[in-house]
C-alpha atoms as a PDB file:
ATOM      1  CA  MET A   1     -17.527  22.058 -30.925  1.00  0.00           C
ATOM      2  CA  LEU A   2     -17.497  25.529 -32.466  1.00  0.00           C
ATOM      3  CA  GLN A   3     -14.132  24.933 -34.127  1.00  0.00           C
ATOM      4  CA  SER A   4     -15.328  21.667 -35.648  1.00  0.00           C
ATOM      5  CA  ILE A   5     -18.407  23.432 -37.021  1.00  0.00           C
ATOM      6  CA  HIS A   6     -16.299  26.179 -38.604  1.00  0.00           C
ATOM      7  CA  ARG A   7     -14.099  23.669 -40.386  1.00  0.00           C
ATOM      8  CA  GLN A   8     -17.203  21.585 -41.297  1.00  0.00           C
ATOM      9  CA  GLY A   9     -15.836  18.642 -39.320  1.00  0.00           C
ATOM     10  CA  TYR A  10     -18.635  18.417 -36.754  1.00  0.00           C
ATOM     11  CA  ARG A  11     -20.063  14.936 -36.556  1.00  0.00           C
ATOM     12  CA  ALA A  12     -23.629  14.798 -35.314  1.00  0.00           C
ATOM     13  CA  PRO A  13     -23.972  12.073 -32.677  1.00  0.00           C
ATOM     14  CA  ASN A  14     -26.454   9.261 -33.204  1.00  0.00           C
ATOM     15  CA  ILE A  15     -29.962   9.999 -31.965  1.00  0.00           C
ATOM     16  CA  ARG A  16     -31.312   7.598 -29.344  1.00  0.00           C
ATOM     17  CA  ARG A  17     -34.854   6.548 -30.230  1.00  0.00           C
ATOM     18  CA  VAL A  18     -37.460   5.831 -27.587  1.00  0.00           C
ATOM     19  CA  TYR A  19     -41.175   5.278 -27.987  1.00  0.00           C
ATOM     20  CA  ILE A  20     -43.806   7.169 -26.042  1.00  0.00           C
ATOM     21  CA  PRO A  21     -47.542   6.409 -25.935  1.00  0.00           C
ATOM     22  CA  LYS A  22     -49.895   8.424 -28.118  1.00  0.00           C
ATOM     23  CA  PRO A  23     -52.744   9.814 -26.032  1.00  0.00           C
ATOM     24  CA  GLY A  24     -55.897   7.762 -26.522  1.00  0.00           C
ATOM     25  CA  LYS A  25     -54.240   5.234 -28.840  1.00  0.00           C
ATOM     26  CA  THR A  26     -52.477   1.915 -28.481  1.00  0.00           C
ATOM     27  CA  GLU A  27     -49.671   2.802 -30.902  1.00  0.00           C
ATOM     28  CA  LYS A  28     -46.545   4.658 -29.801  1.00  0.00           C
ATOM     29  CA  ARG A  29     -44.783   7.709 -31.187  1.00  0.00           C
ATOM     30  CA  PRO A  30     -41.047   7.530 -31.965  1.00  0.00           C
ATOM     31  CA  LEU A  31     -39.096  10.215 -30.145  1.00  0.00           C
ATOM     32  CA  GLY A  32     -35.477  11.126 -30.888  1.00  0.00           C
ATOM     33  CA  VAL A  33     -33.306  12.037 -27.905  1.00  0.00           C
ATOM     34  CA  PRO A  34     -30.173  13.981 -28.889  1.00  0.00           C
ATOM     35  CA  THR A  35     -27.241  14.517 -26.557  1.00  0.00           C
ATOM     36  CA  VAL A  36     -27.332  17.596 -24.325  1.00  0.00           C
ATOM     37  CA  ALA A  37     -24.580  19.355 -26.291  1.00  0.00           C
ATOM     38  CA  ASP A  38     -26.201  18.551 -29.623  1.00  0.00           C
ATOM     39  CA  ARG A  39     -29.599  19.746 -28.358  1.00  0.00           C
ATOM     40  CA  ALA A  40     -28.027  23.102 -27.382  1.00  0.00           C
ATOM     41  CA  LEU A  41     -26.422  23.428 -30.808  1.00  0.00           C
ATOM     42  CA  GLN A  42     -29.700  22.546 -32.520  1.00  0.00           C
ATOM     43  CA  ARG A  43     -31.546  25.134 -30.409  1.00  0.00           C
ATOM     44  CA  SER A  44     -29.025  27.842 -31.360  1.00  0.00           C
ATOM     45  CA  THR A  45     -29.277  26.938 -35.030  1.00  0.00           C
ATOM     46  CA  ALA A  46     -33.076  26.941 -34.843  1.00  0.00           C
ATOM     47  CA  GLU A  47     -32.990  30.476 -33.440  1.00  0.00           C
ATOM     48  CA  VAL A  48     -30.840  31.686 -36.352  1.00  0.00           C
ATOM     49  CA  LEU A  49     -33.106  29.991 -38.900  1.00  0.00           C
ATOM     50  CA  SER A  50     -36.217  31.315 -37.166  1.00  0.00           C
ATOM     51  CA  ALA A  51     -34.944  34.867 -37.636  1.00  0.00           C
ATOM     52  CA  ILE A  52     -34.572  34.180 -41.350  1.00  0.00           C
ATOM     53  CA  TYR A  53     -37.885  32.381 -41.935  1.00  0.00           C
ATOM     54  CA  GLU A  54     -40.253  33.991 -39.399  1.00  0.00           C
ATOM     55  CA  GLN A  55     -41.649  36.357 -42.041  1.00  0.00           C
ATOM     56  CA  ASP A  56     -42.760  33.368 -44.143  1.00  0.00           C
ATOM     57  CA  PHE A  57     -44.909  31.641 -41.534  1.00  0.00           C
ATOM     58  CA  LEU A  58     -48.671  32.034 -41.689  1.00  0.00           C
ATOM     59  CA  PRO A  59     -50.393  33.820 -38.795  1.00  0.00           C
ATOM     60  CA  CYS A  60     -52.300  30.585 -38.067  1.00  0.00           C
ATOM     61  CA  SER A  61     -49.038  28.633 -37.562  1.00  0.00           C
ATOM     62  CA  PHE A  62     -48.092  28.339 -33.907  1.00  0.00           C
ATOM     63  CA  GLY A  63     -45.869  25.251 -33.569  1.00  0.00           C
ATOM     64  CA  GLY A  64     -42.219  25.765 -32.751  1.00  0.00           C
ATOM     65  CA  ARG A  65     -42.280  29.529 -33.246  1.00  0.00           C
ATOM     66  CA  PRO A  66     -40.719  32.059 -30.872  1.00  0.00           C
ATOM     67  CA  LYS A  67     -43.105  33.310 -28.186  1.00  0.00           C
ATOM     68  CA  LEU A  68     -45.967  31.146 -29.527  1.00  0.00           C
ATOM     69  CA  SER A  69     -47.318  27.886 -28.160  1.00  0.00           C
ATOM     70  CA  ALA A  70     -50.268  25.537 -28.246  1.00  0.00           C
ATOM     71  CA  HIS A  71     -51.857  27.793 -25.593  1.00  0.00           C
ATOM     72  CA  HIS A  72     -51.741  30.734 -28.026  1.00  0.00           C
ATOM     73  CA  ALA A  73     -53.306  28.552 -30.728  1.00  0.00           C
ATOM     74  CA  LEU A  74     -56.152  27.558 -28.404  1.00  0.00           C
ATOM     75  CA  ALA A  75     -56.723  31.144 -27.286  1.00  0.00           C
ATOM     76  CA  THR A  76     -56.855  32.300 -30.916  1.00  0.00           C
ATOM     77  CA  LEU A  77     -59.222  29.482 -31.846  1.00  0.00           C
ATOM     78  CA  ASN A  78     -61.461  30.317 -28.896  1.00  0.00           C
ATOM     79  CA  GLU A  79     -61.492  33.975 -29.911  1.00  0.00           C
ATOM     80  CA  VAL A  80     -62.396  33.171 -33.528  1.00  0.00           C
ATOM     81  CA  ILE A  81     -65.133  30.704 -32.534  1.00  0.00           C
ATOM     82  CA  ALA A  82     -66.578  33.076 -29.899  1.00  0.00           C
ATOM     83  CA  GLY A  83     -66.611  35.847 -32.490  1.00  0.00           C
ATOM     84  CA  GLY A  84     -68.887  33.727 -34.656  1.00  0.00           C
ATOM     85  CA  MET A  85     -66.617  34.017 -37.686  1.00  0.00           C
ATOM     86  CA  ILE A  86     -66.570  30.258 -38.289  1.00  0.00           C
ATOM     87  CA  SER A  87     -69.071  27.465 -38.028  1.00  0.00           C
ATOM     88  CA  TRP A  88     -66.797  24.393 -38.000  1.00  0.00           C
ATOM     89  CA  VAL A  89     -63.303  23.294 -36.952  1.00  0.00           C
ATOM     90  CA  LEU A  90     -61.183  20.655 -38.642  1.00  0.00           C
ATOM     91  CA  GLU A  91     -58.323  18.939 -36.856  1.00  0.00           C
ATOM     92  CA  ALA A  92     -55.824  16.889 -38.842  1.00  0.00           C
ATOM     93  CA  ASP A  93     -52.884  14.758 -37.781  1.00  0.00           C
ATOM     94  CA  LEU A  94     -50.413  14.025 -40.560  1.00  0.00           C
ATOM     95  CA  LYS A  95     -49.265  10.442 -40.096  1.00  0.00           C
ATOM     96  CA  ASN A  96     -45.485  10.171 -39.688  1.00  0.00           C
ATOM     97  CA  PHE A  97     -44.917  13.768 -40.774  1.00  0.00           C
ATOM     98  CA  PHE A  98     -41.543  14.129 -39.025  1.00  0.00           C
ATOM     99  CA  GLY A  99     -40.431  10.692 -40.170  1.00  0.00           C
ATOM    100  CA  SER A 100     -41.276  11.250 -43.826  1.00  0.00           C
ATOM    101  CA  LEU A 101     -39.556  14.562 -44.584  1.00  0.00           C
ATOM    102  CA  ASP A 102     -37.368  14.331 -47.679  1.00  0.00           C
ATOM    103  CA  HIS A 103     -33.776  15.309 -46.784  1.00  0.00           C
ATOM    104  CA  ASP A 104     -32.878  16.614 -50.249  1.00  0.00           C
ATOM    105  CA  TRP A 105     -35.989  18.771 -50.403  1.00  0.00           C
ATOM    106  CA  VAL A 106     -35.393  20.285 -46.940  1.00  0.00           C
ATOM    107  CA  LEU A 107     -31.746  21.016 -47.752  1.00  0.00           C
ATOM    108  CA  ARG A 108     -32.601  22.553 -51.108  1.00  0.00           C
ATOM    109  CA  PHE A 109     -35.166  24.809 -49.484  1.00  0.00           C
ATOM    110  CA  VAL A 110     -32.714  25.920 -46.776  1.00  0.00           C
ATOM    111  CA  GLU A 111     -29.929  26.491 -49.328  1.00  0.00           C
ATOM    112  CA  HIS A 112     -32.247  28.835 -51.222  1.00  0.00           C
ATOM    113  CA  ARG A 113     -32.203  31.343 -48.323  1.00  0.00           C
ATOM    114  CA  VAL A 114     -29.101  30.418 -46.296  1.00  0.00           C
ATOM    115  CA  GLY A 115     -25.743  31.077 -47.937  1.00  0.00           C
ATOM    116  CA  ASP A 116     -23.454  29.741 -45.212  1.00  0.00           C
ATOM    117  CA  PRO A 117     -22.175  26.291 -46.269  1.00  0.00           C
ATOM    118  CA  ARG A 118     -21.272  25.503 -42.640  1.00  0.00           C
ATOM    119  CA  LEU A 119     -24.906  25.832 -41.600  1.00  0.00           C
ATOM    120  CA  ILE A 120     -26.072  23.706 -44.548  1.00  0.00           C
ATOM    121  CA  SER A 121     -23.459  21.077 -43.654  1.00  0.00           C
ATOM    122  CA  LEU A 122     -24.588  21.095 -40.028  1.00  0.00           C
ATOM    123  CA  ILE A 123     -28.243  20.547 -40.975  1.00  0.00           C
ATOM    124  CA  ARG A 124     -27.252  17.789 -43.421  1.00  0.00           C
ATOM    125  CA  ARG A 125     -25.328  16.031 -40.661  1.00  0.00           C
ATOM    126  CA  TRP A 126     -28.306  16.186 -38.300  1.00  0.00           C
ATOM    127  CA  LEU A 127     -30.597  14.797 -40.958  1.00  0.00           C
ATOM    128  CA  LYS A 128     -28.181  11.971 -41.758  1.00  0.00           C
ATOM    129  CA  ALA A 129     -27.268  11.133 -38.148  1.00  0.00           C
ATOM    130  CA  GLY A 130     -27.853   7.514 -37.313  1.00  0.00           C
ATOM    131  CA  VAL A 131     -30.683   6.373 -35.081  1.00  0.00           C
ATOM    132  CA  LEU A 132     -29.719   4.253 -32.072  1.00  0.00           C
ATOM    133  CA  GLU A 133     -32.487   1.769 -31.336  1.00  0.00           C
ATOM    134  CA  ASP A 134     -32.289  -1.494 -29.379  1.00  0.00           C
ATOM    135  CA  GLY A 135     -28.490  -1.250 -29.272  1.00  0.00           C
ATOM    136  CA  ALA A 136     -28.087  -0.967 -33.066  1.00  0.00           C
ATOM    137  CA  VAL A 137     -27.444   2.128 -35.189  1.00  0.00           C
ATOM    138  CA  HIS A 138     -29.662   2.517 -38.254  1.00  0.00           C
ATOM    139  CA  PRO A 139     -28.951   4.992 -41.062  1.00  0.00           C
ATOM    140  CA  SER A 140     -31.368   7.874 -41.511  1.00  0.00           C
ATOM    141  CA  GLU A 141     -32.566   8.066 -45.123  1.00  0.00           C
ATOM    142  CA  GLN A 142     -35.523  10.399 -44.589  1.00  0.00           C
ATOM    143  CA  GLY A 143     -37.248  12.349 -41.863  1.00  0.00           C
ATOM    144  CA  THR A 144     -36.057  14.270 -38.870  1.00  0.00           C
ATOM    145  CA  PRO A 145     -36.316  12.833 -35.369  1.00  0.00           C
ATOM    146  CA  GLN A 146     -39.285  14.167 -33.458  1.00  0.00           C
ATOM    147  CA  GLY A 147     -37.786  15.494 -30.250  1.00  0.00           C
ATOM    148  CA  GLY A 148     -34.722  17.275 -31.626  1.00  0.00           C
ATOM    149  CA  SER A 149     -34.694  21.063 -31.186  1.00  0.00           C
ATOM    150  CA  ILE A 150     -34.175  21.595 -34.916  1.00  0.00           C
ATOM    151  CA  SER A 151     -36.880  19.123 -35.988  1.00  0.00           C
ATOM    152  CA  VAL A 152     -39.917  21.352 -35.492  1.00  0.00           C
ATOM    153  CA  LEU A 153     -38.325  24.210 -37.423  1.00  0.00           C
ATOM    154  CA  LEU A 154     -37.255  21.938 -40.303  1.00  0.00           C
ATOM    155  CA  SER A 155     -40.754  20.490 -40.497  1.00  0.00           C
ATOM    156  CA  ASN A 156     -42.222  24.029 -40.524  1.00  0.00           C
ATOM    157  CA  LEU A 157     -39.879  24.935 -43.401  1.00  0.00           C
ATOM    158  CA  SER A 158     -41.054  21.850 -45.252  1.00  0.00           C
ATOM    159  CA  PHE A 159     -44.650  22.867 -44.674  1.00  0.00           C
ATOM    160  CA  ILE A 160     -43.917  26.381 -45.981  1.00  0.00           C
ATOM    161  CA  THR A 161     -42.480  24.762 -49.084  1.00  0.00           C
ATOM    162  CA  PHE A 162     -45.569  22.585 -49.476  1.00  0.00           C
ATOM    163  CA  SER A 163     -48.001  25.420 -48.877  1.00  0.00           C
ATOM    164  CA  THR A 164     -46.277  27.857 -51.243  1.00  0.00           C
ATOM    165  CA  SER A 165     -45.793  25.347 -54.060  1.00  0.00           C
ATOM    166  CA  GLY A 166     -49.414  25.529 -55.137  1.00  0.00           C
ATOM    167  CA  SER A 167     -50.116  22.130 -53.564  1.00  0.00           C
ATOM    168  CA  ASN A 168     -52.403  23.386 -50.848  1.00  0.00           C
ATOM    169  CA  ALA A 169     -56.009  24.358 -50.567  1.00  0.00           C
ATOM    170  CA  TRP A 170     -55.655  27.325 -48.201  1.00  0.00           C
END
């Protein structure tokens, strides 16, 4: 696997798609299930990218970051509310966020900070990997499969791009 990555010949396997129930809703969430080997490679790549981008994440961002979890987010929220520094809380769920990421935009953003063409090629191959659903493989034109180890990091990078482009209301 490592040799194929170095020569940019690695072929990302198709991602098997399953649907899991959304809590409290009748609709289901699509979940991508990569192979074990591909998941390990994605996890390793995510660790490298995390080291590069960690300094860019906002202190209020907890998802998919090293040593942070939803439990840390809840503890921080509890601390802020108990301290009386806020009077309201807003929760938002972005519909189909993982499924709507623009591949070209994500790759352009990564290329801006990452100079290794092998890593860029690897990410491109993951983004373009086919989706196996009901026995048929469908091409991936946009988005990143929710469930892949690299997906959360790529979505965080996209959010950084959005929030630093002047398009936010922070």
